[in-house]
Amino acid sequence: MELKLYNTLTARKETFTPLDPDNVRMYVCGPTVYDYAHIGNARPVIVFDVLYRLLRHVYGAEHVTYARNITDVDDKINARAAEEGVPISEVTARTTQQFHDDIAALGVLPPTIEPRATDHIEQMKALIERLVEKGHAYAAEEHVLFHVPSMPDYGKLSKRSVDEMEAGARVEVAPYKKDAMDFVLWKPSKDGEPAWDSPCGVETPGRPGWHIECSAMSAAHLGEVFDIHGGGIDLVFPHHENEIAQSRCCFGTQTMAQVWMHNGYLQVEGQKMSKSLGNFITIHDLLREWPGEAIRLAMLTTHYRQPFNWTEAGVRETKRTLDHWYQLTADVEGDGTLCADMLQALGDDLNTPKALAAMHELRREAANGAKDAAASLKACAQFIGLLGQSAEEWIAWRPASVHVDEEKIENLVAARLEARRTKDFAEADRIRDELAGMGVALKDGPEGTTWEIAR
């Protein structure tokens, strides 16, 4: 199948042709591990998981290498460790595990490689020294900085003027900089911070800047030039712009990655997510109230390049959609056929809304009794990371905020059935209302009455 992807670098949709079909390589910027990841972090993880699944389908699982890094050296990590009075390694180990647990609940496949920044310090130092040797970087007052004017086409990815870039980067005014836009490759460590022997003759022990980490890790695992680099739109500048500068100038290449892909911003109920607005939501907290698959499906209802508005109404609707899909596919045995319309939509720059429309057509056919449509619906859903459990497991899920007294509910359901048997409909209605007040929805069917917690 043909795969077309929108390339931020060229600002157009292009037919994807890998450098080596036997080794398709993708790098995506991962989390900085100092706290629970928020739902804005979840979006690129889900988006590029779908792309990873699609690439594996097109080229074969054994021919796709997906690297998603862990940033485990950073000012925020240092501050959190100091605040808690614990070693930095304790913070990063705990929060990395939290991240893994949370995204696993979202149906995300593990990447092929998950490099950690602190495991690649020597590669970073070697890259920095090479940049200095080539005249693209310099040491000054215990720092090593990249000299932006040494790269004539710096800014090609973000397509900004120098003034816009200076404003967007919130550049630090420092007397030792040759140019205001120059950025840090290596900096001295303060007491209590992680520190390594510095490169380029700098005597003070130090640590890497943020941008150099991804250049070093991607080169170490994917090569000097690879196929796809992904991340959120907020990373285009300065992070990805600076990655390109470092990697291209170090290796003397015309590009770092063939295709640059970026997902759009995330809002919460129409507003920018921030702690000051009180709408800052972590994946961990959200998973206490909604199934991971409902969160995942909600994220896929909007095209990845468009802004996504997280709403409670939206995730409630995707929960209902999945309730129906699980019901329709509960009896499916064996593998169904992947829907051609769904695959074509995903191949057109990951058009998940169009793919879901094709799946809703399968739902309609399955609801009318078409067994092959139900099997295809299940296959398509599992292809994009949904319907990954049994119908019984799905029905049994409960939000953490809901206390379920199952014995009381079962007794009330039995009492209502008895009231209906004796035609005491007023009592049956009263019991139904009591159960509804407890957040319990009843479903009467030919095989009896079942119940679930309504959302």
Protein backbone atom coordinates (compact mmCIF):
# COMPACT_ATOMS: atom_id res chain seq x y z
CA MET A 1 0.00 0.00 0.00
CA GLU A 2 1.09 3.59 -0.60
CA LEU A 3 1.89 5.63 2.48
CA LYS A 4 1.74 9.42 2.40
CA LEU A 5 2.99 11.56 5.29
CA TYR A 6 2.98 15.30 5.88
CA ASN A 7 6.56 16.54 6.18
CA THR A 8 6.96 19.64 8.38
CA LEU A 9 10.33 20.28 6.72
CA THR A 10 8.85 20.65 3.22
CA ALA A 11 5.36 21.73 4.36
CA ARG A 12 3.64 19.21 2.13
CA LYS A 13 2.30 15.69 2.04
CA GLU A 14 4.73 13.28 0.38
CA THR A 15 4.82 9.64 -0.63
CA PHE A 16 6.98 7.90 1.95
CA THR A 17 9.95 6.01 0.55
CA PRO A 18 12.26 4.61 3.25
CA LEU A 19 16.01 4.84 2.90
CA ASP A 20 16.13 1.07 3.39
CA PRO A 21 12.86 -0.92 3.24
CA ASP A 22 14.55 -3.65 5.26
CA ASN A 23 15.28 -1.22 8.10
CA VAL A 24 12.70 1.57 8.41
CA ARG A 25 13.82 3.84 11.25
CA MET A 26 11.78 6.25 13.36
CA TYR A 27 12.77 8.41 16.34
CA VAL A 28 10.26 10.16 18.60
CA CYS A 29 11.12 12.46 21.50
CA GLY A 30 10.06 10.80 24.74
CA PRO A 31 9.37 12.07 28.26
CA THR A 32 11.48 13.93 30.76
CA VAL A 33 10.94 11.72 33.80
CA TYR A 34 10.33 13.84 36.88
CA ASP A 35 6.56 13.43 37.47
CA TYR A 36 3.45 11.75 36.10
CA ALA A 37 3.04 12.42 32.37
CA HIS A 38 0.11 14.66 31.45
CA ILE A 39 -2.44 14.06 28.69
CA GLY A 40 -0.55 16.39 26.36
CA ASN A 41 2.31 13.87 26.57
CA ALA A 42 -0.13 11.08 25.74
CA ARG A 43 -1.02 12.46 22.34
CA PRO A 44 2.34 11.95 20.54
CA VAL A 45 2.78 8.60 22.27
CA ILE A 46 -0.56 7.42 20.82
CA VAL A 47 -0.13 9.07 17.41
CA PHE A 48 3.28 7.57 16.74
CA ASP A 49 2.20 4.22 18.14
CA VAL A 50 -0.42 4.12 15.37
CA LEU A 51 2.24 5.03 12.82
CA TYR A 52 4.55 2.35 14.24
CA ARG A 53 1.77 -0.24 13.84
CA LEU A 54 1.15 0.89 10.27
CA LEU A 55 4.84 0.75 9.35
CA ARG A 56 5.07 -2.77 10.79
CA HIS A 57 2.07 -3.77 8.68
CA VAL A 58 3.54 -2.31 5.47
CA TYR A 59 7.19 -3.34 5.86
CA GLY A 60 7.03 -6.22 8.35
CA ALA A 61 7.55 -5.99 12.11
CA GLU A 62 11.14 -7.21 11.85
CA HIS A 63 12.00 -4.40 9.41
CA VAL A 64 10.94 -1.43 11.56
CA THR A 65 13.08 0.14 14.28
CA TYR A 66 11.33 2.60 16.58
CA ALA A 67 13.39 4.56 19.11
CA ARG A 68 11.69 6.68 21.77
CA ASN A 69 14.06 8.17 24.32
CA ILE A 70 13.94 8.80 28.05
CA THR A 71 15.41 12.13 29.22
CA ASP A 72 16.73 11.37 32.69
CA VAL A 73 19.03 14.37 33.24
CA ASP A 74 17.29 17.74 33.45
CA ASP A 75 16.75 20.75 35.70
CA LYS A 76 13.21 19.62 36.55
CA ILE A 77 14.48 16.22 37.67
CA ASN A 78 17.15 17.85 39.84
CA ALA A 79 14.58 20.15 41.41
CA ARG A 80 12.18 17.29 42.16
CA ALA A 81 14.92 15.20 43.79
CA ALA A 82 15.97 18.17 45.94
CA GLU A 83 12.35 18.85 46.89
CA GLU A 84 11.80 15.23 47.96
CA GLY A 85 15.24 14.84 49.51
CA VAL A 86 15.94 11.64 47.57
CA PRO A 87 18.62 10.61 45.04
CA ILE A 88 17.99 11.66 41.44
CA SER A 89 18.14 8.01 40.38
CA GLU A 90 15.19 7.26 42.67
CA VAL A 91 13.08 9.97 41.02
CA THR A 92 13.90 8.86 37.47
CA ALA A 93 13.38 5.14 38.20
CA ARG A 94 9.99 5.76 39.82
CA THR A 95 8.68 8.17 37.21
CA THR A 96 9.93 6.06 34.30
CA GLN A 97 7.95 3.11 35.67
CA GLN A 98 4.90 5.36 36.11
CA PHE A 99 5.19 6.43 32.49
CA HIS A 100 5.47 2.84 31.27
CA ASP A 101 2.46 1.74 33.34
CA ASP A 102 0.31 4.64 32.16
CA ILE A 103 0.99 4.31 28.44
CA ALA A 104 0.62 0.52 28.58
CA ALA A 105 -2.92 1.17 29.81
CA LEU A 106 -3.42 3.31 26.69
CA GLY A 107 -2.63 0.30 24.48
CA VAL A 108 0.79 1.54 23.40
CA LEU A 109 3.34 -0.95 22.08
CA PRO A 110 6.86 -0.78 23.54
CA PRO A 111 9.32 0.84 21.13
CA THR A 112 12.09 -1.26 19.65
CA ILE A 113 14.66 0.79 21.58
CA GLU A 114 14.24 3.12 24.54
CA PRO A 115 17.58 4.88 24.99
CA ARG A 116 18.25 6.84 28.18
CA ALA A 117 20.19 10.07 28.06
CA THR A 118 22.53 9.16 30.91
CA ASP A 119 23.62 6.02 29.02
CA HIS A 120 24.85 8.13 26.09
CA ILE A 121 27.01 10.80 27.71
CA GLU A 122 30.16 9.66 25.90
CA GLN A 123 28.38 9.80 22.52
CA MET A 124 27.21 13.34 23.34
CA LYS A 125 30.72 14.43 24.29
CA ALA A 126 32.16 12.95 21.08
CA LEU A 127 29.54 14.77 19.00
CA ILE A 128 30.26 18.06 20.80
CA GLU A 129 34.01 17.73 20.27
CA ARG A 130 33.47 17.06 16.58
CA LEU A 131 31.32 20.20 16.28
CA VAL A 132 34.08 22.26 17.89
CA GLU A 133 36.69 20.76 15.56
CA LYS A 134 34.56 21.69 12.55
CA GLY A 135 34.08 25.27 13.73
CA HIS A 136 30.37 24.94 14.54
CA ALA A 137 30.80 25.17 18.32
CA TYR A 138 33.09 26.77 20.87
CA ALA A 139 33.95 26.63 24.57
CA ALA A 140 33.42 29.72 26.70
CA GLU A 141 33.37 30.17 30.49
CA GLU A 142 32.95 26.46 31.29
CA HIS A 143 30.19 26.10 28.66
CA VAL A 144 30.25 24.69 25.15
CA LEU A 145 27.87 26.39 22.73
CA PHE A 146 26.68 25.79 19.18
CA HIS A 147 27.38 28.81 16.98
CA VAL A 148 24.15 29.31 15.02
CA PRO A 149 25.59 31.65 12.31
CA SER A 150 27.92 28.81 11.26
CA MET A 151 24.90 27.10 9.69
CA PRO A 152 23.55 29.25 6.81
CA ASP A 153 20.13 27.57 6.55
CA TYR A 154 19.41 27.34 10.28
CA GLY A 155 15.66 27.80 10.81
CA LYS A 156 14.58 25.79 7.76
CA LEU A 157 12.29 23.51 9.79
CA SER A 158 10.42 26.19 11.72
CA LYS A 159 10.55 28.72 8.88
CA ARG A 160 11.00 31.64 11.27
CA SER A 161 12.97 34.84 10.96
CA VAL A 162 15.90 35.45 13.32
CA ASP A 163 13.80 37.87 15.37
CA GLU A 164 10.99 35.32 15.70
CA MET A 165 13.45 32.61 16.66
CA GLU A 166 15.08 34.77 19.32
CA ALA A 167 11.67 35.54 20.82
CA GLY A 168 10.49 31.94 20.57
CA ALA A 169 13.62 30.49 22.13
CA ARG A 170 13.61 32.95 25.05
CA VAL A 171 17.36 33.06 24.52
CA GLU A 172 19.57 33.59 27.51
CA VAL A 173 21.57 36.80 27.34
CA ALA A 174 25.11 35.82 28.31
CA PRO A 175 28.32 37.78 27.74
CA TYR A 176 30.23 34.68 26.69
CA LYS A 177 27.96 34.04 23.69
CA LYS A 178 29.31 35.00 20.27
CA ASP A 179 25.74 35.39 19.01
CA ALA A 180 22.44 35.79 20.85
CA MET A 181 21.03 32.68 19.15
CA ASP A 182 23.90 30.39 20.17
CA PHE A 183 22.63 27.54 22.35
CA VAL A 184 24.17 25.34 25.02
CA LEU A 185 25.63 21.94 24.20
CA TRP A 186 27.30 21.44 27.58
CA LYS A 187 27.12 23.38 30.85
CA PRO A 188 28.76 23.25 34.28
CA SER A 189 26.95 21.31 36.97
CA LYS A 190 26.05 22.85 40.30
CA ASP A 191 26.73 21.11 43.62
CA GLY A 192 24.51 18.06 44.02
CA GLU A 193 23.65 17.84 40.32
CA PRO A 194 24.70 14.98 38.03
CA ALA A 195 28.16 15.70 36.60
CA TRP A 196 30.59 14.15 34.17
CA ASP A 197 34.05 15.07 32.94
CA SER A 198 33.54 17.83 30.40
CA PRO A 199 34.59 17.76 26.73
CA CYS A 200 36.69 20.27 24.75
CA GLY A 201 39.18 21.01 27.52
CA VAL A 202 36.58 22.42 29.92
CA GLU A 203 37.87 21.71 33.41
CA THR A 204 34.65 22.02 35.42
CA PRO A 205 32.55 18.83 35.50
CA GLY A 206 29.24 19.36 33.75
CA ARG A 207 26.24 17.88 32.01
CA PRO A 208 24.68 18.01 28.53
CA GLY A 209 22.20 20.49 27.19
CA TRP A 210 18.78 19.17 26.24
CA HIS A 211 19.09 19.27 22.44
CA ILE A 212 22.36 17.35 22.15
CA GLU A 213 20.81 14.33 23.87
CA CYS A 214 18.47 13.45 21.00
CA SER A 215 21.12 14.03 18.33
CA ALA A 216 23.44 11.60 20.07
CA MET A 217 20.83 8.95 20.85
CA SER A 218 19.23 8.94 17.40
CA ALA A 219 22.65 8.68 15.70
CA ALA A 220 23.74 5.88 18.03
CA HIS A 221 20.69 3.72 17.30
CA LEU A 222 19.36 4.81 13.90
CA GLY A 223 22.37 6.27 12.09
CA GLU A 224 23.43 9.70 10.91
CA VAL A 225 20.37 9.95 8.63
CA PHE A 226 17.13 8.07 9.24
CA ASP A 227 13.55 8.01 7.98
CA ILE A 228 11.13 9.70 10.39
CA HIS A 229 11.53 12.04 13.36
CA GLY A 230 8.39 12.79 15.35
CA GLY A 231 7.13 14.77 18.30
CA GLY A 232 4.69 17.45 19.39
CA ILE A 233 4.35 20.72 17.48
CA ASP A 234 5.81 22.53 20.48
CA LEU A 235 9.16 20.84 19.78
CA VAL A 236 9.64 22.23 16.26
CA PHE A 237 11.50 25.20 17.71
CA PRO A 238 13.92 25.28 19.33
CA HIS A 239 14.40 21.58 20.08
CA HIS A 240 14.06 19.97 16.66
CA GLU A 241 15.62 22.93 14.88
CA ASN A 242 18.65 22.58 17.13
CA GLU A 243 18.80 18.82 16.70
CA ILE A 244 19.00 19.32 12.95
CA ALA A 245 21.77 21.90 13.33
CA GLN A 246 23.87 19.68 15.58
CA SER A 247 23.45 16.48 13.57
CA ARG A 248 23.87 17.94 10.10
CA CYS A 249 26.90 20.04 11.04
CA CYS A 250 28.53 17.17 12.91
CA PHE A 251 28.06 14.54 10.20
CA GLY A 252 28.14 16.78 7.14
CA THR A 253 24.74 15.54 5.90
CA GLN A 254 22.02 17.41 4.01
CA THR A 255 19.35 16.24 6.40
CA MET A 256 18.96 14.48 9.73
CA ALA A 257 15.64 12.75 9.05
CA GLN A 258 13.81 12.46 5.75
CA VAL A 259 10.40 13.21 7.25
CA TRP A 260 9.57 15.42 10.24
CA MET A 261 6.14 14.81 11.74
CA HIS A 262 4.43 16.83 14.47
CA ASN A 263 1.11 16.40 16.22
CA GLY A 264 -1.00 19.44 17.08
CA TYR A 265 -1.55 21.10 20.44
CA LEU A 266 -3.92 19.77 23.10
CA GLN A 267 -6.52 21.81 24.96
CA VAL A 268 -8.78 20.88 27.87
CA GLU A 269 -12.42 21.87 27.52
CA GLY A 270 -11.42 24.59 25.05
CA GLN A 271 -8.62 26.09 27.14
CA LYS A 272 -4.86 25.71 27.21
CA MET A 273 -3.93 23.16 29.86
CA SER A 274 -2.10 24.71 32.81
CA LYS A 275 -1.83 24.26 36.55
CA SER A 276 -2.82 27.91 37.07
CA LEU A 277 -6.18 27.26 35.35
CA GLY A 278 -6.74 24.13 37.41
CA ASN A 279 -7.20 21.97 34.31
CA PHE A 280 -3.86 20.15 34.39
CA ILE A 281 -4.64 16.45 33.94
CA THR A 282 -2.20 13.55 34.20
CA ILE A 283 -2.65 10.27 32.37
CA HIS A 284 -2.52 8.54 35.75
CA ASP A 285 -5.45 10.53 37.16
CA LEU A 286 -7.46 10.11 33.98
CA LEU A 287 -7.01 6.34 34.07
CA ARG A 288 -8.70 6.29 37.46
CA GLU A 289 -11.89 7.61 35.87
CA TRP A 290 -11.86 6.23 32.32
CA PRO A 291 -10.63 3.04 30.61
CA GLY A 292 -7.37 3.50 28.74
CA GLU A 293 -8.95 2.44 25.45
CA ALA A 294 -11.61 5.18 25.75
CA ILE A 295 -8.84 7.75 26.23
CA ARG A 296 -6.95 6.36 23.24
CA LEU A 297 -10.01 6.37 20.99
CA ALA A 298 -10.85 9.94 22.02
CA MET A 299 -7.37 11.04 20.92
CA LEU A 300 -7.84 9.34 17.54
CA THR A 301 -11.11 11.09 16.71
CA THR A 302 -9.15 14.19 15.61
CA HIS A 303 -6.50 14.19 12.88
CA TYR A 304 -3.08 14.22 14.51
CA ARG A 305 -1.97 17.50 12.88
CA GLN A 306 -5.04 19.37 14.12
CA PRO A 307 -5.43 20.82 17.63
CA PHE A 308 -7.22 18.36 19.89
CA ASN A 309 -9.75 19.48 22.49
CA TRP A 310 -10.00 17.05 25.40
CA THR A 311 -13.52 17.03 26.86
CA GLU A 312 -15.32 14.80 29.31
CA ALA A 313 -18.23 14.61 26.86
CA GLY A 314 -15.84 13.34 24.19
CA VAL A 315 -14.37 10.52 26.27
CA ARG A 316 -17.84 9.59 27.53
CA GLU A 317 -18.89 9.16 23.90
CA THR A 318 -15.85 7.01 23.04
CA LYS A 319 -16.57 4.86 26.10
CA ARG A 320 -20.09 4.26 24.75
CA THR A 321 -18.69 3.50 21.30
CA LEU A 322 -16.37 0.88 22.77
CA ASP A 323 -19.21 -0.56 24.87
CA HIS A 324 -21.05 -1.22 21.61
CA TRP A 325 -17.99 -2.53 19.76
CA TYR A 326 -17.23 -4.98 22.57
CA GLN A 327 -20.85 -6.11 22.57
CA LEU A 328 -20.90 -6.67 18.80
CA THR A 329 -17.57 -8.53 18.71
CA ALA A 330 -17.86 -10.59 21.91
CA ASP A 331 -18.56 -13.81 20.00
CA VAL A 332 -16.03 -13.29 17.21
CA GLU A 333 -13.63 -16.19 16.85
CA GLY A 334 -10.62 -16.22 14.57
CA ASP A 335 -9.11 -13.40 12.59
CA GLY A 336 -11.17 -10.95 10.59
CA THR A 337 -10.13 -9.11 7.44
CA LEU A 338 -8.69 -5.64 7.76
CA CYS A 339 -10.96 -3.10 6.08
CA ALA A 340 -9.36 -1.66 2.93
CA ASP A 341 -11.01 1.73 3.51
CA MET A 342 -9.51 1.92 7.00
CA LEU A 343 -6.03 1.06 5.76
CA GLN A 344 -6.31 3.55 2.91
CA ALA A 345 -7.30 6.27 5.37
CA LEU A 346 -4.38 5.52 7.68
CA GLY A 347 -2.06 5.47 4.68
CA ASP A 348 -3.17 9.00 3.86
CA ASP A 349 -1.15 10.79 6.56
CA LEU A 350 -2.74 8.84 9.43
CA ASN A 351 -6.28 10.06 8.77
CA THR A 352 -7.74 8.42 11.87
CA PRO A 353 -11.14 10.20 11.69
CA LYS A 354 -11.69 8.74 8.20
CA ALA A 355 -10.45 5.34 9.39
CA LEU A 356 -12.93 5.44 12.27
CA ALA A 357 -15.72 6.35 9.85
CA ALA A 358 -14.97 3.14 7.94
CA MET A 359 -15.10 1.23 11.21
CA HIS A 360 -18.45 2.79 12.14
CA GLU A 361 -19.80 1.47 8.83
CA LEU A 362 -18.63 -1.98 9.87
CA ARG A 363 -20.37 -1.43 13.23
CA ARG A 364 -23.61 -0.65 11.41
CA GLU A 365 -23.35 -3.85 9.35
CA ALA A 366 -22.42 -5.91 12.41
CA ALA A 367 -25.42 -4.53 14.31
CA ASN A 368 -27.57 -5.82 11.46
CA GLY A 369 -26.19 -9.31 11.96
CA ALA A 370 -23.26 -9.44 9.53
CA LYS A 371 -20.75 -11.78 11.19
CA ASP A 372 -17.95 -10.96 8.75
CA ALA A 373 -18.39 -7.24 9.50
CA ALA A 374 -18.12 -7.93 13.24
CA ALA A 375 -14.91 -9.89 12.66
CA SER A 376 -13.52 -7.12 10.46
CA LEU A 377 -14.47 -4.48 13.04
CA LYS A 378 -12.56 -6.38 15.72
CA ALA A 379 -9.52 -6.82 13.48
CA CYS A 380 -9.49 -3.12 12.56
CA ALA A 381 -9.94 -2.02 16.16
CA GLN A 382 -7.10 -4.22 17.35
CA PHE A 383 -4.93 -2.93 14.51
CA ILE A 384 -5.14 0.59 15.98
CA GLY A 385 -4.76 -0.59 19.57
CA LEU A 386 -8.38 -1.10 20.67
CA LEU A 387 -10.51 -4.10 21.75
CA GLY A 388 -7.45 -5.57 23.40
CA GLN A 389 -9.32 -7.40 26.16
CA SER A 390 -12.30 -9.69 26.51
CA ALA A 391 -15.82 -8.30 26.63
CA GLU A 392 -16.10 -9.61 30.20
CA GLU A 393 -12.98 -7.68 31.27
CA TRP A 394 -14.27 -4.54 29.61
CA ILE A 395 -17.67 -4.75 31.31
CA ALA A 396 -16.03 -5.43 34.68
CA TRP A 397 -14.01 -2.17 34.62
CA ARG A 398 -15.00 0.39 37.25
CA PRO A 399 -13.81 3.97 37.80
CA ALA A 400 -11.85 4.43 41.02
CA SER A 401 -14.28 7.11 42.21
CA VAL A 402 -17.24 4.72 42.09
CA HIS A 403 -17.70 2.42 45.04
CA VAL A 404 -19.57 -0.63 43.83
CA ASP A 405 -21.49 -2.76 46.33
CA GLU A 406 -22.06 -5.65 43.97
CA GLU A 407 -24.05 -7.71 46.47
CA LYS A 408 -26.50 -4.85 47.06
CA ILE A 409 -26.85 -4.24 43.32
CA GLU A 410 -27.49 -7.92 42.59
CA ASN A 411 -30.12 -8.04 45.35
CA LEU A 412 -31.87 -4.95 43.95
CA VAL A 413 -31.78 -6.40 40.43
CA ALA A 414 -33.32 -9.64 41.73
CA ALA A 415 -35.97 -7.67 43.65
CA ARG A 416 -36.85 -5.70 40.52
CA LEU A 417 -37.17 -8.91 38.49
CA GLU A 418 -39.51 -10.31 41.14
CA ALA A 419 -41.56 -7.09 41.11
CA ARG A 420 -41.89 -7.33 37.33
CA ARG A 421 -42.86 -11.01 37.59
CA THR A 422 -45.70 -10.11 39.98
CA LYS A 423 -46.60 -7.09 37.80
CA ASP A 424 -45.76 -4.61 40.58
CA PHE A 425 -44.43 -2.16 38.01
CA ALA A 426 -44.41 0.78 40.38
CA GLU A 427 -41.97 -1.08 42.64
CA ALA A 428 -39.90 -2.18 39.63
CA ASP A 429 -39.62 1.43 38.49
CA ARG A 430 -38.70 2.56 42.00
CA ILE A 431 -35.88 0.03 42.15
CA ARG A 432 -34.64 1.05 38.69
CA ASP A 433 -34.56 4.67 39.88
CA GLU A 434 -32.68 3.67 43.03
CA LEU A 435 -30.11 1.85 40.97
CA ALA A 436 -29.81 4.80 38.58
CA GLY A 437 -29.10 7.01 41.59
CA MET A 438 -26.25 4.66 42.45
CA GLY A 439 -24.84 5.13 38.93
CA VAL A 440 -26.05 1.71 37.73
CA ALA A 441 -27.56 1.26 34.26
CA LEU A 442 -29.74 -1.79 33.60
CA LYS A 443 -30.04 -3.63 30.31
CA ASP A 444 -33.03 -5.94 29.88
CA GLY A 445 -32.58 -8.63 27.24
CA PRO A 446 -33.98 -12.00 26.20
CA GLU A 447 -31.41 -13.74 28.40
CA GLY A 448 -32.14 -11.64 31.49
CA THR A 449 -31.06 -8.35 33.02
CA THR A 450 -27.45 -7.18 33.16
CA TRP A 451 -26.03 -4.05 34.76
CA GLU A 452 -23.06 -1.75 34.43
CA ILE A 453 -21.81 1.47 35.96
CA ALA A 454 -23.09 4.31 33.78
CA ARG A 455 -20.78 7.18 32.81
